[in-house]
Amino acid sequence: MASKGRPYRTFVIEGFEVLVGRADEDNDHLTFRIAEPWDLWLHVAGGTPGSHVVVRNPEKIARLVAIERYKTIRVKPAAFDTEVD
């Protein structure tokens, strides 16, 4: 899935589709227009532009189960340097 021209960046990390807002104004668009109610929403601390992160949950599994399943995702800052085309 290409990220160019979208207000968010797309990554696949350990098989999970992860969407990250590009800038402050893009965070609301990502959170309220792109994310689905069953997706997992995260916030990166520190006032970082693009601090809203959505982990897709296409299986619509319960949030507590999703948190347990997705908490093993390890993201290094360098992971956000490469987008999925």
N, C-alpha and C. Protein backbone atom coordinates (compact mmCIF):
# COMPACT_ATOMS: atom_id res chain seq x y z
N MET A 1 0.85 -1.18 0.00
CA MET A 1 0.00 0.00 0.00
C MET A 1 0.89 1.23 0.00
N ALA A 2 0.72 2.08 -0.98
CA ALA A 2 1.56 3.28 -1.10
C ALA A 2 1.13 4.36 -0.12
N SER A 3 2.11 5.10 0.38
CA SER A 3 1.83 6.18 1.33
C SER A 3 1.88 7.55 0.69
N LYS A 4 2.47 7.65 -0.49
CA LYS A 4 2.66 8.96 -1.12
C LYS A 4 1.32 9.64 -1.35
N GLY A 5 1.26 10.93 -0.99
CA GLY A 5 0.05 11.72 -1.17
C GLY A 5 -0.98 11.56 -0.08
N ARG A 6 -0.75 10.65 0.84
CA ARG A 6 -1.68 10.44 1.94
C ARG A 6 -1.21 11.21 3.16
N PRO A 7 -2.14 11.57 4.05
CA PRO A 7 -1.75 12.31 5.26
C PRO A 7 -1.17 11.40 6.35
N TYR A 8 -0.82 10.21 5.98
CA TYR A 8 -0.20 9.28 6.93
C TYR A 8 0.78 8.37 6.19
N ARG A 9 1.69 7.81 6.95
CA ARG A 9 2.66 6.86 6.40
C ARG A 9 2.18 5.45 6.74
N THR A 10 2.48 4.51 5.86
CA THR A 10 2.06 3.12 6.05
C THR A 10 3.28 2.23 6.16
N PHE A 11 3.26 1.36 7.16
CA PHE A 11 4.33 0.40 7.39
C PHE A 11 3.72 -0.96 7.65
N VAL A 12 4.47 -1.99 7.37
CA VAL A 12 4.10 -3.33 7.80
C VAL A 12 5.20 -3.77 8.74
N ILE A 13 4.82 -4.01 9.99
CA ILE A 13 5.78 -4.38 11.02
C ILE A 13 5.32 -5.71 11.61
N GLU A 14 6.16 -6.71 11.44
CA GLU A 14 5.85 -8.06 11.93
C GLU A 14 4.48 -8.52 11.45
N GLY A 15 4.13 -8.17 10.21
CA GLY A 15 2.87 -8.59 9.62
C GLY A 15 1.68 -7.71 9.91
N PHE A 16 1.84 -6.68 10.74
CA PHE A 16 0.75 -5.78 11.08
C PHE A 16 0.86 -4.49 10.28
N GLU A 17 -0.26 -4.04 9.71
CA GLU A 17 -0.28 -2.76 9.02
C GLU A 17 -0.37 -1.65 10.06
N VAL A 18 0.58 -0.73 10.00
CA VAL A 18 0.68 0.36 10.95
C VAL A 18 0.62 1.68 10.19
N LEU A 19 -0.25 2.58 10.61
CA LEU A 19 -0.41 3.88 9.96
C LEU A 19 0.04 4.95 10.95
N VAL A 20 0.84 5.91 10.45
CA VAL A 20 1.39 6.96 11.31
C VAL A 20 1.12 8.31 10.65
N GLY A 21 0.50 9.22 11.40
CA GLY A 21 0.23 10.56 10.88
C GLY A 21 1.53 11.25 10.48
N ARG A 22 1.49 12.06 9.43
CA ARG A 22 2.69 12.75 8.95
C ARG A 22 2.98 14.03 9.73
N ALA A 23 1.94 14.72 10.17
CA ALA A 23 2.10 16.00 10.87
C ALA A 23 0.93 16.18 11.82
N ASP A 24 1.00 17.20 12.65
CA ASP A 24 -0.04 17.41 13.66
C ASP A 24 -1.45 17.44 13.06
N GLU A 25 -1.63 18.19 11.97
CA GLU A 25 -2.96 18.32 11.38
C GLU A 25 -3.43 17.02 10.75
N ASP A 26 -2.50 16.15 10.39
CA ASP A 26 -2.86 14.86 9.79
C ASP A 26 -3.33 13.85 10.83
N ASN A 27 -2.95 14.06 12.08
CA ASN A 27 -3.32 13.12 13.13
C ASN A 27 -4.83 12.98 13.25
N ASP A 28 -5.55 14.10 13.24
CA ASP A 28 -7.01 14.04 13.35
C ASP A 28 -7.62 13.31 12.17
N HIS A 29 -7.10 13.57 10.97
CA HIS A 29 -7.61 12.89 9.78
C HIS A 29 -7.41 11.37 9.92
N LEU A 30 -6.24 10.98 10.34
CA LEU A 30 -5.94 9.55 10.51
C LEU A 30 -6.84 8.94 11.58
N THR A 31 -6.96 9.61 12.71
CA THR A 31 -7.70 9.07 13.84
C THR A 31 -9.20 9.00 13.59
N PHE A 32 -9.78 10.07 13.02
CA PHE A 32 -11.23 10.15 12.92
C PHE A 32 -11.82 9.79 11.56
N ARG A 33 -11.00 9.73 10.51
CA ARG A 33 -11.54 9.43 9.18
C ARG A 33 -10.99 8.14 8.58
N ILE A 34 -9.81 7.75 8.98
CA ILE A 34 -9.19 6.56 8.39
C ILE A 34 -9.34 5.35 9.32
N ALA A 35 -9.04 5.52 10.59
CA ALA A 35 -9.10 4.41 11.54
C ALA A 35 -10.53 3.90 11.69
N GLU A 36 -10.63 2.60 11.84
CA GLU A 36 -11.92 1.95 12.09
C GLU A 36 -12.09 1.76 13.60
N PRO A 37 -13.32 1.62 14.07
CA PRO A 37 -13.56 1.50 15.51
C PRO A 37 -12.82 0.32 16.16
N TRP A 38 -12.54 -0.70 15.41
CA TRP A 38 -11.88 -1.89 15.98
C TRP A 38 -10.37 -1.84 15.88
N ASP A 39 -9.81 -0.81 15.21
CA ASP A 39 -8.36 -0.66 15.13
C ASP A 39 -7.81 -0.23 16.49
N LEU A 40 -6.54 -0.44 16.67
CA LEU A 40 -5.87 -0.06 17.91
C LEU A 40 -5.18 1.28 17.69
N TRP A 41 -5.49 2.27 18.51
CA TRP A 41 -4.93 3.62 18.40
C TRP A 41 -3.88 3.82 19.48
N LEU A 42 -2.75 4.40 19.09
CA LEU A 42 -1.67 4.68 20.03
C LEU A 42 -1.23 6.12 19.87
N HIS A 43 -0.62 6.65 20.90
CA HIS A 43 -0.08 8.00 20.85
C HIS A 43 1.39 7.95 21.24
N VAL A 44 2.23 8.51 20.40
CA VAL A 44 3.66 8.58 20.69
C VAL A 44 3.91 9.82 21.52
N ALA A 45 4.53 9.66 22.66
CA ALA A 45 4.76 10.78 23.57
C ALA A 45 5.85 11.71 23.05
N GLY A 46 5.90 12.89 23.60
CA GLY A 46 6.98 13.81 23.31
C GLY A 46 6.65 14.89 22.30
N GLY A 47 5.37 15.05 21.96
CA GLY A 47 5.00 16.12 21.03
C GLY A 47 5.56 15.94 19.64
N THR A 48 5.77 14.71 19.24
CA THR A 48 6.33 14.40 17.92
C THR A 48 5.29 14.63 16.84
N PRO A 49 5.61 15.36 15.76
CA PRO A 49 4.67 15.46 14.65
C PRO A 49 4.36 14.06 14.13
N GLY A 50 3.10 13.81 13.84
CA GLY A 50 2.73 12.49 13.39
C GLY A 50 2.70 11.51 14.54
N SER A 51 2.29 11.99 15.71
CA SER A 51 2.36 11.15 16.90
C SER A 51 1.17 10.19 17.05
N HIS A 52 0.18 10.24 16.14
CA HIS A 52 -0.93 9.30 16.21
C HIS A 52 -0.58 8.08 15.37
N VAL A 53 -0.77 6.92 15.96
CA VAL A 53 -0.43 5.65 15.31
C VAL A 53 -1.66 4.75 15.37
N VAL A 54 -1.99 4.12 14.25
CA VAL A 54 -3.10 3.19 14.19
C VAL A 54 -2.55 1.84 13.75
N VAL A 55 -2.84 0.80 14.53
CA VAL A 55 -2.50 -0.57 14.14
C VAL A 55 -3.80 -1.18 13.65
N ARG A 56 -3.81 -1.57 12.38
CA ARG A 56 -5.02 -2.14 11.79
C ARG A 56 -5.39 -3.45 12.47
N ASN A 57 -6.68 -3.67 12.62
CA ASN A 57 -7.22 -4.86 13.28
C ASN A 57 -8.33 -5.43 12.39
N PRO A 58 -7.96 -5.94 11.20
CA PRO A 58 -8.99 -6.39 10.25
C PRO A 58 -9.81 -7.58 10.75
N GLU A 59 -9.27 -8.31 11.71
CA GLU A 59 -10.00 -9.46 12.24
C GLU A 59 -11.07 -9.04 13.25
N LYS A 60 -11.07 -7.75 13.60
CA LYS A 60 -12.04 -7.18 14.54
C LYS A 60 -12.06 -7.95 15.86
N ILE A 61 -10.89 -8.34 16.31
CA ILE A 61 -10.82 -9.05 17.58
C ILE A 61 -11.01 -8.06 18.73
N ALA A 62 -11.45 -8.56 19.86
CA ALA A 62 -11.70 -7.70 21.02
C ALA A 62 -10.46 -6.90 21.37
N ARG A 63 -10.64 -5.66 21.82
CA ARG A 63 -9.50 -4.77 22.07
C ARG A 63 -8.52 -5.32 23.08
N LEU A 64 -9.01 -5.94 24.16
CA LEU A 64 -8.07 -6.49 25.14
C LEU A 64 -7.24 -7.62 24.54
N VAL A 65 -7.86 -8.42 23.69
CA VAL A 65 -7.13 -9.48 23.00
C VAL A 65 -6.15 -8.85 22.02
N ALA A 66 -6.59 -7.80 21.31
CA ALA A 66 -5.71 -7.12 20.35
C ALA A 66 -4.49 -6.53 21.05
N ILE A 67 -4.71 -5.90 22.19
CA ILE A 67 -3.59 -5.31 22.93
C ILE A 67 -2.61 -6.40 23.33
N GLU A 68 -3.13 -7.51 23.82
CA GLU A 68 -2.26 -8.62 24.21
C GLU A 68 -1.48 -9.14 23.00
N ARG A 69 -2.14 -9.24 21.85
CA ARG A 69 -1.50 -9.77 20.65
C ARG A 69 -0.49 -8.78 20.06
N TYR A 70 -0.85 -7.50 20.01
CA TYR A 70 -0.01 -6.50 19.35
C TYR A 70 1.10 -5.95 20.22
N LYS A 71 1.04 -6.17 21.52
CA LYS A 71 2.05 -5.58 22.40
C LYS A 71 3.44 -6.12 22.14
N THR A 72 3.53 -7.20 21.40
CA THR A 72 4.84 -7.77 21.09
C THR A 72 5.52 -7.08 19.92
N ILE A 73 4.82 -6.18 19.24
CA ILE A 73 5.42 -5.46 18.12
C ILE A 73 6.53 -4.58 18.65
N ARG A 74 7.70 -4.72 18.11
CA ARG A 74 8.84 -3.91 18.52
C ARG A 74 9.14 -2.93 17.40
N VAL A 75 9.06 -1.66 17.70
CA VAL A 75 9.30 -0.63 16.70
C VAL A 75 10.53 0.16 17.11
N LYS A 76 11.50 0.18 16.23
CA LYS A 76 12.68 1.00 16.45
C LYS A 76 12.48 2.29 15.67
N PRO A 77 12.99 3.42 16.16
CA PRO A 77 12.82 4.69 15.42
C PRO A 77 13.22 4.57 13.95
N ALA A 78 14.23 3.80 13.66
CA ALA A 78 14.68 3.66 12.27
C ALA A 78 13.62 2.99 11.39
N ALA A 79 12.70 2.24 12.00
CA ALA A 79 11.65 1.58 11.23
C ALA A 79 10.79 2.60 10.50
N PHE A 80 10.67 3.80 11.04
CA PHE A 80 9.83 4.81 10.42
C PHE A 80 10.55 5.58 9.32
N ASP A 81 11.78 5.20 9.04
CA ASP A 81 12.51 5.84 7.94
C ASP A 81 12.17 5.23 6.59
N THR A 82 11.59 4.04 6.59
CA THR A 82 11.29 3.33 5.36
C THR A 82 9.81 3.07 5.27
N GLU A 83 9.19 3.58 4.22
CA GLU A 83 7.76 3.40 4.03
C GLU A 83 7.51 2.24 3.11
N VAL A 84 6.30 1.68 3.20
CA VAL A 84 5.88 0.63 2.30
C VAL A 84 5.36 1.30 1.04
N ASP A 85 5.81 0.84 -0.12
CA ASP A 85 5.35 1.43 -1.38
C ASP A 85 4.19 0.65 -1.94
